[in-house]
């Protein structure tokens, strides 16, 4: 169980960097494209420094499919927080329903 929790914590942190790399540059549309690409790559480096160990640790107790489903749930969760905090987007009912369905999918994928 400790390995699964460590995996989830690392993936959650990894996804925060991923969201910053993938979407953070949208706050700086006035910056040159080459500059935001290089900046995004720099941020993504830290994402990978967390994501790769997370999957290594998690693969001791979880299948690759289970790892992927957990990662997707965390990706959407951290994105929801990121989009609210950085872009002030408010979640909609449809997004909430979609999120509940994704959590249900994760439950069935991880359930033994």
N, C-alpha and C. Protein backbone atom coordinates (compact mmCIF):
# COMPACT_ATOMS: atom_id res chain seq x y z
N UNK A 1 0.83 -1.21 0.00
CA UNK A 1 0.00 0.00 0.00
C UNK A 1 0.87 1.26 0.00
N UNK A 2 2.01 1.22 0.69
CA UNK A 2 2.90 2.38 0.73
C UNK A 2 3.41 2.73 -0.67
N UNK A 3 3.69 1.69 -1.46
CA UNK A 3 4.18 1.94 -2.83
C UNK A 3 3.09 2.59 -3.68
N UNK A 4 1.86 2.16 -3.50
CA UNK A 4 0.76 2.74 -4.27
C UNK A 4 0.58 4.21 -3.88
N UNK A 5 0.63 4.50 -2.59
CA UNK A 5 0.48 5.88 -2.14
C UNK A 5 1.64 6.75 -2.62
N UNK A 6 2.85 6.22 -2.59
CA UNK A 6 4.01 6.96 -3.10
C UNK A 6 3.84 7.22 -4.60
N UNK A 7 3.38 6.22 -5.32
CA UNK A 7 3.14 6.35 -6.76
C UNK A 7 2.11 7.44 -7.02
N UNK A 8 1.01 7.42 -6.31
CA UNK A 8 -0.06 8.40 -6.50
C UNK A 8 0.44 9.81 -6.17
N UNK A 9 1.19 9.95 -5.09
CA UNK A 9 1.72 11.27 -4.71
C UNK A 9 2.67 11.81 -5.77
N UNK A 10 3.56 10.96 -6.26
CA UNK A 10 4.49 11.39 -7.30
C UNK A 10 3.76 11.73 -8.59
N UNK A 11 2.77 10.94 -8.95
CA UNK A 11 2.01 11.23 -10.17
C UNK A 11 1.21 12.53 -10.04
N UNK A 12 0.66 12.79 -8.85
CA UNK A 12 -0.07 14.04 -8.64
C UNK A 12 0.85 15.24 -8.82
N UNK A 13 2.03 15.17 -8.22
CA UNK A 13 3.00 16.26 -8.37
C UNK A 13 3.46 16.38 -9.83
N UNK A 14 3.69 15.24 -10.46
CA UNK A 14 4.09 15.23 -11.87
C UNK A 14 3.06 15.93 -12.73
N UNK A 15 1.79 15.66 -12.46
CA UNK A 15 0.72 16.24 -13.26
C UNK A 15 0.58 17.74 -13.04
N UNK A 16 0.97 18.23 -11.88
CA UNK A 16 0.96 19.68 -11.68
C UNK A 16 1.98 20.35 -12.61
N UNK A 17 3.16 19.74 -12.72
CA UNK A 17 4.16 20.26 -13.65
C UNK A 17 3.68 20.12 -15.10
N UNK A 18 3.03 18.99 -15.40
CA UNK A 18 2.54 18.76 -16.76
C UNK A 18 1.55 19.85 -17.16
N UNK A 19 0.61 20.16 -16.28
CA UNK A 19 -0.37 21.19 -16.60
C UNK A 19 0.29 22.55 -16.79
N UNK A 20 1.29 22.85 -15.96
CA UNK A 20 2.01 24.12 -16.12
C UNK A 20 2.73 24.15 -17.47
N UNK A 21 3.34 23.03 -17.85
CA UNK A 21 4.08 22.97 -19.12
C UNK A 21 3.14 23.05 -20.32
N UNK A 22 2.03 22.33 -20.26
CA UNK A 22 1.13 22.25 -21.40
C UNK A 22 0.24 23.47 -21.57
N UNK A 23 -0.18 24.07 -20.44
CA UNK A 23 -1.18 25.12 -20.52
C UNK A 23 -0.74 26.46 -19.93
N UNK A 24 0.28 26.48 -19.10
CA UNK A 24 0.71 27.71 -18.45
C UNK A 24 1.11 28.80 -19.43
N UNK A 25 1.69 28.41 -20.55
CA UNK A 25 2.13 29.39 -21.55
C UNK A 25 0.98 30.19 -22.15
N UNK A 26 -0.24 29.69 -22.01
CA UNK A 26 -1.39 30.42 -22.56
C UNK A 26 -1.62 31.75 -21.83
N UNK A 27 -1.02 31.90 -20.66
CA UNK A 27 -1.08 33.17 -19.94
C UNK A 27 -0.09 34.18 -20.53
N UNK A 28 0.79 33.71 -21.40
CA UNK A 28 1.85 34.55 -21.95
C UNK A 28 1.81 34.55 -23.48
N UNK A 29 0.65 34.81 -24.03
CA UNK A 29 0.49 34.77 -25.49
C UNK A 29 1.33 35.82 -26.21
N UNK A 30 1.77 36.82 -25.49
CA UNK A 30 2.59 37.86 -26.10
C UNK A 30 4.05 37.41 -26.27
N UNK A 31 4.44 36.34 -25.58
CA UNK A 31 5.82 35.84 -25.66
C UNK A 31 6.05 35.08 -26.96
N UNK A 32 7.28 35.09 -27.42
CA UNK A 32 7.64 34.38 -28.65
C UNK A 32 7.39 32.88 -28.48
N UNK A 33 6.91 32.25 -29.54
CA UNK A 33 6.59 30.83 -29.50
C UNK A 33 7.81 30.00 -29.13
N UNK A 34 8.97 30.30 -29.68
CA UNK A 34 10.17 29.51 -29.38
C UNK A 34 10.51 29.59 -27.89
N UNK A 35 10.23 30.74 -27.26
CA UNK A 35 10.53 30.91 -25.85
C UNK A 35 9.59 30.08 -24.98
N UNK A 36 8.29 30.08 -25.33
CA UNK A 36 7.36 29.28 -24.52
C UNK A 36 7.57 27.79 -24.75
N UNK A 37 8.02 27.40 -25.94
CA UNK A 37 8.34 25.98 -26.18
C UNK A 37 9.51 25.56 -25.30
N UNK A 38 10.56 26.35 -25.29
CA UNK A 38 11.72 26.03 -24.43
C UNK A 38 11.34 26.03 -22.95
N UNK A 39 10.52 26.99 -22.56
CA UNK A 39 10.07 27.04 -21.16
C UNK A 39 9.24 25.81 -20.80
N UNK A 40 8.36 25.43 -21.72
CA UNK A 40 7.53 24.25 -21.48
C UNK A 40 8.38 22.99 -21.37
N UNK A 41 9.38 22.87 -22.22
CA UNK A 41 10.29 21.72 -22.13
C UNK A 41 11.00 21.70 -20.79
N UNK A 42 11.42 22.87 -20.33
CA UNK A 42 12.11 22.95 -19.04
C UNK A 42 11.21 22.51 -17.89
N UNK A 43 9.96 22.92 -17.94
CA UNK A 43 9.00 22.51 -16.90
C UNK A 43 8.70 21.02 -17.02
N UNK A 44 8.57 20.53 -18.25
CA UNK A 44 8.26 19.11 -18.47
C UNK A 44 9.38 18.20 -17.97
N UNK A 45 10.61 18.71 -17.94
CA UNK A 45 11.72 17.92 -17.39
C UNK A 45 11.40 17.49 -15.97
N UNK A 46 10.87 18.41 -15.16
CA UNK A 46 10.54 18.08 -13.77
C UNK A 46 9.34 17.14 -13.69
N UNK A 47 8.43 17.27 -14.64
CA UNK A 47 7.31 16.31 -14.71
C UNK A 47 7.86 14.90 -14.87
N UNK A 48 8.77 14.72 -15.81
CA UNK A 48 9.32 13.40 -16.07
C UNK A 48 10.17 12.89 -14.91
N UNK A 49 10.84 13.80 -14.20
CA UNK A 49 11.64 13.40 -13.03
C UNK A 49 10.76 12.83 -11.93
N UNK A 50 9.48 13.14 -11.93
CA UNK A 50 8.53 12.58 -10.95
C UNK A 50 7.73 11.43 -11.54
N UNK A 51 7.36 11.55 -12.81
CA UNK A 51 6.50 10.54 -13.44
C UNK A 51 7.21 9.20 -13.63
N UNK A 52 8.45 9.23 -14.07
CA UNK A 52 9.17 7.97 -14.32
C UNK A 52 9.35 7.17 -13.02
N UNK A 53 9.83 7.79 -11.93
CA UNK A 53 9.93 7.02 -10.69
C UNK A 53 8.56 6.56 -10.17
N UNK A 54 7.53 7.38 -10.37
CA UNK A 54 6.19 6.99 -9.93
C UNK A 54 5.75 5.70 -10.61
N UNK A 55 5.96 5.62 -11.91
CA UNK A 55 5.56 4.41 -12.63
C UNK A 55 6.45 3.22 -12.26
N UNK A 56 7.71 3.46 -12.01
CA UNK A 56 8.59 2.36 -11.57
C UNK A 56 8.14 1.81 -10.23
N UNK A 57 7.87 2.71 -9.29
CA UNK A 57 7.42 2.30 -7.96
C UNK A 57 6.06 1.61 -8.05
N UNK A 58 5.14 2.22 -8.80
CA UNK A 58 3.79 1.68 -8.91
C UNK A 58 3.72 0.34 -9.61
N UNK A 59 4.66 0.10 -10.53
CA UNK A 59 4.61 -1.15 -11.30
C UNK A 59 4.93 -2.38 -10.47
N UNK A 60 5.43 -2.18 -9.25
CA UNK A 60 5.66 -3.32 -8.36
C UNK A 60 4.36 -3.93 -7.87
N UNK A 61 3.30 -3.11 -7.81
CA UNK A 61 2.03 -3.61 -7.27
C UNK A 61 0.84 -3.39 -8.19
N UNK A 62 1.00 -2.55 -9.22
CA UNK A 62 -0.11 -2.24 -10.12
C UNK A 62 0.24 -2.65 -11.54
N UNK A 63 -0.78 -2.98 -12.31
CA UNK A 63 -0.55 -3.28 -13.72
C UNK A 63 -0.35 -1.97 -14.49
N UNK A 64 0.14 -2.08 -15.70
CA UNK A 64 0.35 -0.89 -16.53
C UNK A 64 -0.99 -0.20 -16.79
N UNK A 65 -2.03 -0.96 -17.00
CA UNK A 65 -3.36 -0.38 -17.21
C UNK A 65 -3.83 0.37 -15.97
N UNK A 66 -3.63 -0.22 -14.80
CA UNK A 66 -4.02 0.45 -13.57
C UNK A 66 -3.23 1.75 -13.39
N UNK A 67 -1.94 1.71 -13.69
CA UNK A 67 -1.12 2.93 -13.60
C UNK A 67 -1.67 4.01 -14.51
N UNK A 68 -2.02 3.64 -15.73
CA UNK A 68 -2.51 4.62 -16.71
C UNK A 68 -3.83 5.22 -16.27
N UNK A 69 -4.74 4.40 -15.77
CA UNK A 69 -6.04 4.91 -15.34
C UNK A 69 -5.86 5.86 -14.16
N UNK A 70 -5.03 5.49 -13.21
CA UNK A 70 -4.75 6.37 -12.07
C UNK A 70 -4.15 7.69 -12.56
N UNK A 71 -3.22 7.60 -13.49
CA UNK A 71 -2.59 8.81 -14.03
C UNK A 71 -3.62 9.71 -14.71
N UNK A 72 -4.55 9.13 -15.44
CA UNK A 72 -5.57 9.94 -16.12
C UNK A 72 -6.49 10.63 -15.13
N UNK A 73 -6.88 9.94 -14.07
CA UNK A 73 -7.72 10.55 -13.05
C UNK A 73 -6.96 11.71 -12.40
N UNK A 74 -5.69 11.48 -12.08
CA UNK A 74 -4.90 12.55 -11.48
C UNK A 74 -4.68 13.70 -12.46
N UNK A 75 -4.49 13.36 -13.73
CA UNK A 75 -4.30 14.39 -14.75
C UNK A 75 -5.52 15.31 -14.81
N UNK A 76 -6.69 14.72 -14.84
CA UNK A 76 -7.91 15.54 -14.91
C UNK A 76 -8.17 16.28 -13.61
N UNK A 77 -7.86 15.65 -12.49
CA UNK A 77 -8.06 16.31 -11.19
C UNK A 77 -7.15 17.53 -11.05
N UNK A 78 -5.88 17.34 -11.35
CA UNK A 78 -4.95 18.46 -11.22
C UNK A 78 -5.24 19.52 -12.28
N UNK A 79 -5.70 19.10 -13.46
CA UNK A 79 -6.06 20.09 -14.47
C UNK A 79 -7.25 20.93 -14.01
N UNK A 80 -8.23 20.30 -13.38
CA UNK A 80 -9.39 21.06 -12.89
C UNK A 80 -8.93 22.12 -11.89
N UNK A 81 -8.05 21.73 -10.98
CA UNK A 81 -7.52 22.69 -10.01
C UNK A 81 -6.69 23.78 -10.70
N UNK A 82 -5.86 23.38 -11.65
CA UNK A 82 -5.01 24.31 -12.38
C UNK A 82 -5.85 25.32 -13.17
N UNK A 83 -6.87 24.82 -13.88
CA UNK A 83 -7.68 25.72 -14.69
C UNK A 83 -8.47 26.69 -13.82
N UNK A 84 -8.86 26.26 -12.63
CA UNK A 84 -9.56 27.16 -11.72
C UNK A 84 -8.59 28.18 -11.12
N UNK A 85 -7.43 27.71 -10.65
CA UNK A 85 -6.48 28.60 -9.99
C UNK A 85 -5.81 29.58 -10.95
N UNK A 86 -5.41 29.10 -12.12
CA UNK A 86 -4.65 29.94 -13.04
C UNK A 86 -5.55 30.72 -14.01
N UNK A 87 -6.59 30.07 -14.52
CA UNK A 87 -7.44 30.70 -15.54
C UNK A 87 -8.82 31.10 -15.02
N UNK A 88 -9.10 30.83 -13.76
CA UNK A 88 -10.38 31.18 -13.13
C UNK A 88 -11.58 30.56 -13.83
N UNK A 89 -11.39 29.37 -14.43
CA UNK A 89 -12.50 28.67 -15.07
C UNK A 89 -13.32 27.95 -14.00
N UNK A 90 -14.61 28.06 -14.12
CA UNK A 90 -15.50 27.40 -13.17
C UNK A 90 -15.98 26.08 -13.78
N UNK A 91 -15.97 24.99 -13.00
CA UNK A 91 -16.44 23.71 -13.53
C UNK A 91 -17.95 23.74 -13.80
N UNK A 92 -18.35 22.97 -14.80
CA UNK A 92 -19.77 22.88 -15.15
C UNK A 92 -20.35 21.55 -14.66
N UNK A 93 -21.65 21.45 -14.71
CA UNK A 93 -22.33 20.21 -14.32
C UNK A 93 -21.87 19.05 -15.21
N UNK A 94 -21.81 19.28 -16.52
CA UNK A 94 -21.38 18.21 -17.43
C UNK A 94 -19.96 17.75 -17.12
N UNK A 95 -19.08 18.68 -16.80
CA UNK A 95 -17.72 18.29 -16.43
C UNK A 95 -17.73 17.47 -15.14
N UNK A 96 -18.57 17.84 -14.21
CA UNK A 96 -18.69 17.09 -12.96
C UNK A 96 -19.18 15.67 -13.20
N UNK A 97 -20.17 15.52 -14.05
CA UNK A 97 -20.69 14.19 -14.39
C UNK A 97 -19.59 13.37 -15.07
N UNK A 98 -18.88 13.98 -16.01
CA UNK A 98 -17.80 13.28 -16.70
C UNK A 98 -16.73 12.84 -15.71
N UNK A 99 -16.41 13.69 -14.76
CA UNK A 99 -15.40 13.36 -13.77
C UNK A 99 -15.84 12.17 -12.90
N UNK A 100 -17.09 12.17 -12.49
CA UNK A 100 -17.61 11.04 -11.70
C UNK A 100 -17.50 9.74 -12.49
N UNK A 101 -17.81 9.79 -13.78
CA UNK A 101 -17.70 8.59 -14.62
C UNK A 101 -16.24 8.13 -14.75
N UNK A 102 -15.32 9.08 -14.82
CA UNK A 102 -13.91 8.72 -14.90
C UNK A 102 -13.44 8.08 -13.59
N UNK A 103 -13.91 8.61 -12.47
CA UNK A 103 -13.56 8.01 -11.18
C UNK A 103 -14.13 6.60 -11.10
N UNK A 104 -15.33 6.40 -11.60
CA UNK A 104 -15.91 5.05 -11.62
C UNK A 104 -15.06 4.12 -12.49
N UNK A 105 -14.61 4.61 -13.63
CA UNK A 105 -13.74 3.80 -14.49
C UNK A 105 -12.45 3.44 -13.77
N UNK A 106 -11.88 4.39 -13.05
CA UNK A 106 -10.65 4.12 -12.30
C UNK A 106 -10.89 3.07 -11.22
N UNK A 107 -12.02 3.16 -10.55
CA UNK A 107 -12.36 2.17 -9.53
C UNK A 107 -12.41 0.76 -10.13
N UNK A 108 -13.09 0.61 -11.25
CA UNK A 108 -13.21 -0.70 -11.87
C UNK A 108 -11.89 -1.20 -12.44
N UNK A 109 -11.06 -0.29 -12.89
CA UNK A 109 -9.75 -0.69 -13.44
C UNK A 109 -8.80 -1.16 -12.34
N UNK A 110 -8.89 -0.56 -11.16
CA UNK A 110 -7.97 -0.88 -10.07
C UNK A 110 -8.52 -2.01 -9.20
N UNK A 111 -9.83 -2.18 -9.15
CA UNK A 111 -10.47 -3.22 -8.32
C UNK A 111 -9.99 -4.59 -8.74
N UNK A 112 -9.64 -5.40 -7.76
CA UNK A 112 -9.17 -6.76 -8.04
C UNK A 112 -10.30 -7.75 -8.01
